[in-house]
N, C-alpha and C. Protein backbone atom coordinates (compact mmCIF):
# COMPACT_ATOMS: atom_id res chain seq x y z
N UNK A 1 1.68 17.26 1.86
CA UNK A 1 2.12 18.41 1.12
C UNK A 1 1.65 18.24 -0.33
N UNK A 2 1.15 19.31 -0.94
CA UNK A 2 0.68 19.22 -2.32
C UNK A 2 1.54 20.11 -3.21
N UNK A 3 1.85 19.60 -4.38
CA UNK A 3 2.49 20.36 -5.42
C UNK A 3 1.58 20.25 -6.63
N UNK A 4 0.92 21.35 -7.02
CA UNK A 4 -0.13 21.29 -8.04
C UNK A 4 -1.15 20.24 -7.60
N UNK A 5 -1.38 19.23 -8.43
CA UNK A 5 -2.31 18.17 -8.06
C UNK A 5 -1.59 16.92 -7.57
N UNK A 6 -0.27 16.99 -7.43
CA UNK A 6 0.53 15.87 -6.95
C UNK A 6 0.61 15.89 -5.44
N UNK A 7 0.54 14.73 -4.83
CA UNK A 7 0.61 14.60 -3.38
C UNK A 7 1.91 13.88 -3.03
N UNK A 8 2.69 14.50 -2.17
CA UNK A 8 3.90 13.87 -1.63
C UNK A 8 3.75 13.84 -0.12
N UNK A 9 3.55 12.68 0.43
CA UNK A 9 3.35 12.53 1.87
C UNK A 9 4.68 12.55 2.60
N UNK A 10 4.81 13.38 3.62
CA UNK A 10 6.06 13.38 4.39
C UNK A 10 6.18 12.17 5.32
N UNK A 11 5.09 11.39 5.45
CA UNK A 11 5.11 10.23 6.35
C UNK A 11 5.27 8.90 5.61
N UNK A 12 4.91 8.86 4.35
CA UNK A 12 4.98 7.61 3.57
C UNK A 12 6.40 7.38 3.06
N UNK A 13 6.73 6.12 2.73
CA UNK A 13 8.07 5.87 2.18
C UNK A 13 8.24 6.58 0.85
N UNK A 14 9.46 6.97 0.57
CA UNK A 14 9.74 7.64 -0.71
C UNK A 14 9.45 6.69 -1.86
N UNK A 15 8.95 7.24 -2.94
CA UNK A 15 8.64 6.44 -4.13
C UNK A 15 9.92 5.82 -4.69
N UNK A 16 9.78 4.65 -5.31
CA UNK A 16 10.94 3.98 -5.91
C UNK A 16 11.13 4.40 -7.36
N UNK A 17 10.49 5.46 -7.76
CA UNK A 17 10.60 6.00 -9.11
C UNK A 17 10.19 7.46 -9.11
N UNK A 18 10.14 8.04 -10.29
CA UNK A 18 9.80 9.46 -10.43
C UNK A 18 8.29 9.64 -10.57
N UNK A 19 7.59 9.47 -9.45
CA UNK A 19 6.14 9.65 -9.43
C UNK A 19 5.71 10.07 -8.03
N UNK A 20 4.56 10.73 -7.92
CA UNK A 20 4.07 11.16 -6.62
C UNK A 20 3.40 10.01 -5.88
N UNK A 21 3.14 10.21 -4.60
CA UNK A 21 2.37 9.22 -3.85
C UNK A 21 0.94 9.15 -4.37
N UNK A 22 0.42 10.28 -4.81
CA UNK A 22 -0.96 10.32 -5.29
C UNK A 22 -1.16 11.55 -6.16
N UNK A 23 -2.30 11.54 -6.87
CA UNK A 23 -2.71 12.70 -7.68
C UNK A 23 -4.19 12.94 -7.45
N UNK A 24 -4.51 14.21 -7.34
CA UNK A 24 -5.89 14.64 -7.22
C UNK A 24 -6.44 14.88 -8.62
N UNK A 25 -7.66 14.38 -8.86
CA UNK A 25 -8.37 14.64 -10.12
C UNK A 25 -9.81 14.95 -9.73
N UNK A 26 -10.16 16.20 -9.69
CA UNK A 26 -11.48 16.60 -9.24
C UNK A 26 -11.68 16.18 -7.81
N UNK A 27 -12.72 15.40 -7.54
CA UNK A 27 -12.99 14.97 -6.17
C UNK A 27 -12.46 13.57 -5.89
N UNK A 28 -11.55 13.10 -6.75
CA UNK A 28 -10.96 11.77 -6.55
C UNK A 28 -9.46 11.86 -6.27
N UNK A 29 -8.98 10.92 -5.49
CA UNK A 29 -7.56 10.79 -5.19
C UNK A 29 -7.11 9.44 -5.72
N UNK A 30 -6.12 9.45 -6.61
CA UNK A 30 -5.56 8.23 -7.19
C UNK A 30 -4.16 8.03 -6.60
N UNK A 31 -4.02 6.98 -5.81
CA UNK A 31 -2.72 6.71 -5.19
C UNK A 31 -1.88 5.84 -6.11
N UNK A 32 -0.59 6.13 -6.14
CA UNK A 32 0.36 5.26 -6.83
C UNK A 32 0.46 3.97 -6.02
N UNK A 33 1.08 2.95 -6.58
CA UNK A 33 1.26 1.71 -5.83
C UNK A 33 1.97 1.97 -4.52
N UNK A 34 1.42 1.46 -3.44
CA UNK A 34 1.97 1.68 -2.10
C UNK A 34 2.32 0.33 -1.51
N UNK A 35 3.54 0.21 -1.04
CA UNK A 35 4.02 -1.04 -0.44
C UNK A 35 4.28 -0.89 1.04
N UNK A 36 4.87 -1.92 1.65
CA UNK A 36 5.08 -1.92 3.10
C UNK A 36 6.42 -1.38 3.59
N UNK A 37 7.18 -0.75 2.71
CA UNK A 37 8.43 -0.16 3.20
C UNK A 37 8.12 0.98 4.17
N UNK A 38 9.05 1.31 5.04
CA UNK A 38 8.88 2.44 5.96
C UNK A 38 9.81 3.57 5.53
N UNK A 39 9.35 4.77 5.74
CA UNK A 39 10.14 5.94 5.35
C UNK A 39 11.49 5.93 6.08
N UNK A 40 12.53 6.20 5.34
CA UNK A 40 13.89 6.33 5.87
C UNK A 40 14.43 5.05 6.52
N UNK A 41 13.87 3.89 6.15
CA UNK A 41 14.40 2.61 6.64
C UNK A 41 14.75 1.76 5.44
N UNK A 42 15.90 1.14 5.50
CA UNK A 42 16.31 0.28 4.39
C UNK A 42 15.64 -1.10 4.46
N UNK A 43 15.54 -1.64 5.68
CA UNK A 43 14.93 -2.95 5.85
C UNK A 43 13.43 -2.87 5.57
N UNK A 44 12.88 -3.92 5.01
CA UNK A 44 11.44 -3.99 4.74
C UNK A 44 10.81 -4.79 5.88
N UNK A 45 9.77 -4.25 6.50
CA UNK A 45 9.15 -4.94 7.64
C UNK A 45 8.74 -6.38 7.29
N UNK A 46 9.16 -7.30 8.15
CA UNK A 46 8.76 -8.69 7.98
C UNK A 46 9.55 -9.48 6.95
N UNK A 47 10.55 -8.87 6.31
CA UNK A 47 11.29 -9.55 5.24
C UNK A 47 12.70 -9.91 5.72
N UNK A 48 13.08 -11.16 5.47
CA UNK A 48 14.44 -11.62 5.74
C UNK A 48 15.09 -11.91 4.40
N UNK A 49 16.25 -11.27 4.17
CA UNK A 49 16.98 -11.45 2.91
C UNK A 49 18.26 -12.22 3.17
N UNK A 50 18.71 -12.99 2.16
CA UNK A 50 20.01 -13.63 2.26
C UNK A 50 21.08 -12.63 1.82
N UNK A 51 22.32 -13.04 1.80
CA UNK A 51 23.42 -12.13 1.47
C UNK A 51 23.37 -11.63 0.04
N UNK A 52 22.67 -12.35 -0.83
CA UNK A 52 22.53 -11.93 -2.23
C UNK A 52 21.31 -11.03 -2.42
N UNK A 53 20.57 -10.75 -1.34
CA UNK A 53 19.40 -9.88 -1.45
C UNK A 53 18.12 -10.58 -1.85
N UNK A 54 18.12 -11.91 -1.81
CA UNK A 54 16.90 -12.68 -2.13
C UNK A 54 16.11 -12.92 -0.86
N UNK A 55 14.78 -12.91 -1.00
CA UNK A 55 13.91 -13.15 0.14
C UNK A 55 14.02 -14.61 0.57
N UNK A 56 14.34 -14.83 1.86
CA UNK A 56 14.37 -16.19 2.39
C UNK A 56 13.10 -16.48 3.18
N UNK A 57 12.50 -15.45 3.76
CA UNK A 57 11.22 -15.61 4.44
C UNK A 57 10.60 -14.22 4.62
N UNK A 58 9.30 -14.23 4.86
CA UNK A 58 8.62 -12.96 5.12
C UNK A 58 7.39 -13.21 5.96
N UNK A 59 7.01 -12.18 6.71
CA UNK A 59 5.80 -12.21 7.52
C UNK A 59 4.77 -11.35 6.80
N UNK A 60 3.84 -12.02 6.13
CA UNK A 60 2.86 -11.31 5.32
C UNK A 60 1.97 -10.39 6.17
N UNK A 61 1.58 -10.83 7.34
CA UNK A 61 0.71 -10.00 8.20
C UNK A 61 1.38 -8.69 8.56
N UNK A 62 2.66 -8.72 8.89
CA UNK A 62 3.38 -7.48 9.20
C UNK A 62 3.37 -6.56 7.98
N UNK A 63 3.56 -7.13 6.80
CA UNK A 63 3.55 -6.30 5.59
C UNK A 63 2.17 -5.68 5.35
N UNK A 64 1.10 -6.42 5.61
CA UNK A 64 -0.24 -5.87 5.43
C UNK A 64 -0.47 -4.71 6.40
N UNK A 65 -0.13 -4.90 7.66
CA UNK A 65 -0.30 -3.82 8.64
C UNK A 65 0.47 -2.56 8.22
N UNK A 66 1.69 -2.77 7.74
CA UNK A 66 2.53 -1.63 7.35
C UNK A 66 2.01 -0.96 6.09
N UNK A 67 1.55 -1.74 5.10
CA UNK A 67 1.04 -1.13 3.88
C UNK A 67 -0.23 -0.34 4.18
N UNK A 68 -1.08 -0.85 5.07
CA UNK A 68 -2.28 -0.10 5.44
C UNK A 68 -1.91 1.20 6.16
N UNK A 69 -0.89 1.18 7.00
CA UNK A 69 -0.43 2.41 7.66
C UNK A 69 0.07 3.42 6.63
N UNK A 70 0.79 2.93 5.61
CA UNK A 70 1.29 3.82 4.56
C UNK A 70 0.15 4.40 3.73
N UNK A 71 -0.86 3.59 3.42
CA UNK A 71 -2.02 4.08 2.68
C UNK A 71 -2.71 5.16 3.50
N UNK A 72 -2.91 4.91 4.78
CA UNK A 72 -3.56 5.90 5.65
C UNK A 72 -2.79 7.22 5.62
N UNK A 73 -1.47 7.16 5.70
CA UNK A 73 -0.65 8.38 5.67
C UNK A 73 -0.87 9.16 4.39
N UNK A 74 -0.86 8.47 3.26
CA UNK A 74 -1.01 9.15 1.97
C UNK A 74 -2.40 9.78 1.85
N UNK A 75 -3.45 9.01 2.14
CA UNK A 75 -4.79 9.58 1.95
C UNK A 75 -5.06 10.71 2.93
N UNK A 76 -4.58 10.59 4.16
CA UNK A 76 -4.78 11.68 5.13
C UNK A 76 -3.97 12.92 4.75
N UNK A 77 -2.73 12.73 4.32
CA UNK A 77 -1.91 13.88 3.93
C UNK A 77 -2.44 14.56 2.68
N UNK A 78 -3.26 13.85 1.92
CA UNK A 78 -3.89 14.44 0.73
C UNK A 78 -5.21 15.13 1.07
N UNK A 79 -5.66 15.02 2.32
CA UNK A 79 -6.91 15.65 2.72
C UNK A 79 -8.11 14.73 2.69
N UNK A 80 -7.88 13.44 2.51
CA UNK A 80 -8.97 12.46 2.50
C UNK A 80 -8.91 11.70 3.82
N UNK A 81 -9.54 10.53 3.88
CA UNK A 81 -9.50 9.73 5.10
C UNK A 81 -9.67 8.25 4.74
N UNK A 82 -9.40 7.41 5.72
CA UNK A 82 -9.54 5.97 5.56
C UNK A 82 -10.95 5.60 5.11
N UNK A 83 -11.93 6.27 5.69
CA UNK A 83 -13.33 5.99 5.39
C UNK A 83 -13.73 6.40 3.98
N UNK A 84 -12.92 7.21 3.32
CA UNK A 84 -13.24 7.68 1.97
C UNK A 84 -12.56 6.84 0.89
N UNK A 85 -11.88 5.76 1.27
CA UNK A 85 -11.31 4.86 0.28
C UNK A 85 -12.47 4.11 -0.39
N UNK A 86 -12.51 4.15 -1.72
CA UNK A 86 -13.62 3.52 -2.44
C UNK A 86 -13.20 2.32 -3.28
N UNK A 87 -11.90 2.18 -3.57
CA UNK A 87 -11.47 1.08 -4.42
C UNK A 87 -10.02 0.72 -4.08
N UNK A 88 -9.75 -0.58 -3.99
CA UNK A 88 -8.39 -1.07 -3.72
C UNK A 88 -8.08 -2.20 -4.68
N UNK A 89 -6.93 -2.10 -5.33
CA UNK A 89 -6.39 -3.22 -6.09
C UNK A 89 -5.16 -3.70 -5.34
N UNK A 90 -5.16 -4.98 -4.99
CA UNK A 90 -4.05 -5.56 -4.24
C UNK A 90 -3.25 -6.48 -5.15
N UNK A 91 -1.94 -6.32 -5.12
CA UNK A 91 -1.02 -7.16 -5.86
C UNK A 91 -0.26 -8.01 -4.84
N UNK A 92 -0.46 -9.31 -4.89
CA UNK A 92 0.19 -10.25 -3.97
C UNK A 92 1.13 -11.14 -4.76
N UNK A 93 2.27 -11.46 -4.17
CA UNK A 93 3.23 -12.33 -4.86
C UNK A 93 2.98 -13.81 -4.60
N UNK A 94 2.16 -14.13 -3.59
CA UNK A 94 1.84 -15.53 -3.31
C UNK A 94 0.39 -15.63 -2.84
N UNK A 95 -0.52 -15.61 -3.78
CA UNK A 95 -1.95 -15.59 -3.44
C UNK A 95 -2.37 -16.89 -2.75
N UNK A 96 -1.74 -17.99 -3.10
CA UNK A 96 -2.12 -19.28 -2.50
C UNK A 96 -1.86 -19.29 -0.99
N UNK A 97 -0.69 -18.84 -0.58
CA UNK A 97 -0.33 -18.86 0.84
C UNK A 97 -0.84 -17.65 1.61
N UNK A 98 -1.03 -16.52 0.96
CA UNK A 98 -1.32 -15.27 1.68
C UNK A 98 -2.76 -14.78 1.61
N UNK A 99 -3.59 -15.39 0.76
CA UNK A 99 -4.94 -14.87 0.55
C UNK A 99 -5.80 -14.94 1.82
N UNK A 100 -5.71 -16.02 2.57
CA UNK A 100 -6.52 -16.13 3.80
C UNK A 100 -6.15 -15.04 4.80
N UNK A 101 -4.86 -14.79 4.97
CA UNK A 101 -4.41 -13.72 5.87
C UNK A 101 -4.88 -12.37 5.35
N UNK A 102 -4.77 -12.16 4.05
CA UNK A 102 -5.23 -10.93 3.42
C UNK A 102 -6.70 -10.68 3.72
N UNK A 103 -7.54 -11.69 3.53
CA UNK A 103 -8.97 -11.56 3.81
C UNK A 103 -9.24 -11.26 5.29
N UNK A 104 -8.54 -11.96 6.16
CA UNK A 104 -8.75 -11.76 7.60
C UNK A 104 -8.38 -10.34 8.02
N UNK A 105 -7.24 -9.86 7.57
CA UNK A 105 -6.82 -8.50 7.95
C UNK A 105 -7.67 -7.44 7.26
N UNK A 106 -8.09 -7.70 6.04
CA UNK A 106 -8.99 -6.79 5.33
C UNK A 106 -10.25 -6.55 6.16
N UNK A 107 -10.83 -7.63 6.65
CA UNK A 107 -12.06 -7.51 7.45
C UNK A 107 -11.82 -6.75 8.74
N UNK A 108 -10.63 -6.88 9.32
CA UNK A 108 -10.32 -6.14 10.54
C UNK A 108 -10.18 -4.65 10.26
N UNK A 109 -9.59 -4.29 9.13
CA UNK A 109 -9.40 -2.87 8.79
C UNK A 109 -10.65 -2.24 8.19
N UNK A 110 -11.49 -3.05 7.57
CA UNK A 110 -12.73 -2.55 6.97
C UNK A 110 -13.91 -3.36 7.50
N UNK A 111 -14.25 -3.21 8.79
CA UNK A 111 -15.32 -4.03 9.36
C UNK A 111 -16.70 -3.69 8.79
N UNK A 112 -16.87 -2.47 8.33
CA UNK A 112 -18.13 -2.04 7.70
C UNK A 112 -17.80 -1.17 6.50
N UNK A 113 -18.70 -1.10 5.56
CA UNK A 113 -18.57 -0.21 4.40
C UNK A 113 -17.21 -0.36 3.69
N UNK A 114 -16.82 -1.60 3.43
CA UNK A 114 -15.54 -1.86 2.77
C UNK A 114 -15.54 -1.33 1.34
N UNK A 115 -14.39 -0.86 0.87
CA UNK A 115 -14.29 -0.42 -0.52
C UNK A 115 -14.39 -1.61 -1.48
N UNK A 116 -14.61 -1.30 -2.75
CA UNK A 116 -14.51 -2.33 -3.78
C UNK A 116 -13.07 -2.84 -3.77
N UNK A 117 -12.88 -4.11 -4.17
CA UNK A 117 -11.54 -4.68 -4.08
C UNK A 117 -11.29 -5.68 -5.20
N UNK A 118 -10.08 -5.62 -5.73
CA UNK A 118 -9.59 -6.62 -6.68
C UNK A 118 -8.25 -7.11 -6.15
N UNK A 119 -8.05 -8.41 -6.16
CA UNK A 119 -6.78 -8.98 -5.72
C UNK A 119 -6.23 -9.85 -6.84
N UNK A 120 -4.98 -9.60 -7.20
CA UNK A 120 -4.33 -10.37 -8.25
C UNK A 120 -2.96 -10.84 -7.77
N UNK A 121 -2.52 -11.94 -8.35
CA UNK A 121 -1.18 -12.43 -8.05
C UNK A 121 -0.23 -11.95 -9.15
N UNK A 122 0.94 -11.50 -8.72
CA UNK A 122 1.98 -11.07 -9.65
C UNK A 122 3.25 -11.88 -9.36
N UNK A 123 4.09 -12.00 -10.35
CA UNK A 123 5.32 -12.77 -10.18
C UNK A 123 6.26 -12.10 -9.18
N UNK A 124 6.38 -10.78 -9.30
CA UNK A 124 7.21 -10.03 -8.36
C UNK A 124 6.86 -8.56 -8.42
N UNK A 125 7.33 -7.83 -7.44
CA UNK A 125 7.11 -6.39 -7.35
C UNK A 125 8.47 -5.70 -7.41
N UNK A 126 8.50 -4.38 -7.59
CA UNK A 126 9.78 -3.68 -7.82
C UNK A 126 10.81 -3.80 -6.70
N UNK A 127 10.36 -4.03 -5.49
CA UNK A 127 11.28 -4.27 -4.37
C UNK A 127 10.87 -5.61 -3.76
N UNK A 128 11.66 -6.21 -2.88
CA UNK A 128 11.33 -7.53 -2.35
C UNK A 128 10.20 -7.50 -1.31
N UNK A 129 9.00 -7.17 -1.79
CA UNK A 129 7.82 -7.11 -0.94
C UNK A 129 6.80 -8.13 -1.43
N UNK A 130 5.84 -8.47 -0.57
CA UNK A 130 4.84 -9.47 -0.93
C UNK A 130 3.48 -8.86 -1.25
N UNK A 131 3.34 -7.54 -1.05
CA UNK A 131 2.06 -6.88 -1.31
C UNK A 131 2.28 -5.42 -1.71
N UNK A 132 1.45 -4.97 -2.64
CA UNK A 132 1.42 -3.56 -3.01
C UNK A 132 -0.05 -3.22 -3.27
N UNK A 133 -0.48 -2.03 -2.88
CA UNK A 133 -1.87 -1.62 -3.06
C UNK A 133 -1.97 -0.41 -3.97
N UNK A 134 -2.98 -0.42 -4.80
CA UNK A 134 -3.38 0.71 -5.66
C UNK A 134 -4.73 1.16 -5.13
N UNK A 135 -4.82 2.41 -4.68
CA UNK A 135 -5.99 2.88 -3.95
C UNK A 135 -6.60 4.10 -4.61
N UNK A 136 -7.93 4.15 -4.60
CA UNK A 136 -8.67 5.34 -5.04
C UNK A 136 -9.55 5.76 -3.85
N UNK A 137 -9.54 7.05 -3.55
CA UNK A 137 -10.36 7.60 -2.48
C UNK A 137 -11.07 8.84 -2.97
N UNK A 138 -12.14 9.22 -2.29
CA UNK A 138 -12.81 10.47 -2.60
C UNK A 138 -12.20 11.57 -1.73
N UNK A 139 -12.38 12.79 -2.18
CA UNK A 139 -11.89 13.96 -1.45
C UNK A 139 -13.07 14.83 -1.07
N UNK A 140 -12.99 15.47 0.08
CA UNK A 140 -14.10 16.34 0.49
C UNK A 140 -14.22 17.57 -0.42
């Protein structure tokens, strides 16, 4: 669904702030940070929390699969496609332990014509997740 140049995907998780899932600027689509939460679910896929809400363990591969599904929803609902993704910035909370899995799954999702990519480690993300993606795609 589009409101002006703002994109709000009915399939992606609701934003954790006052911003759209993406914005159209000419023939480009700029996605807001997208994480592995699922729409209308409180639990985060692959994350185990203690009673105080701290992460005790997580399955990074499950989070990558889910974040890619969320990215696909946003770009498709905006009128673009997976193949039109041209740039990805990945924010990981544990690059030492998760980078090999990230590379392996990246190659599975982008076996040919992969977008440009930057991967950085961050101390934490706004919710207890281990990955968030910032994506740019072209629009037809």
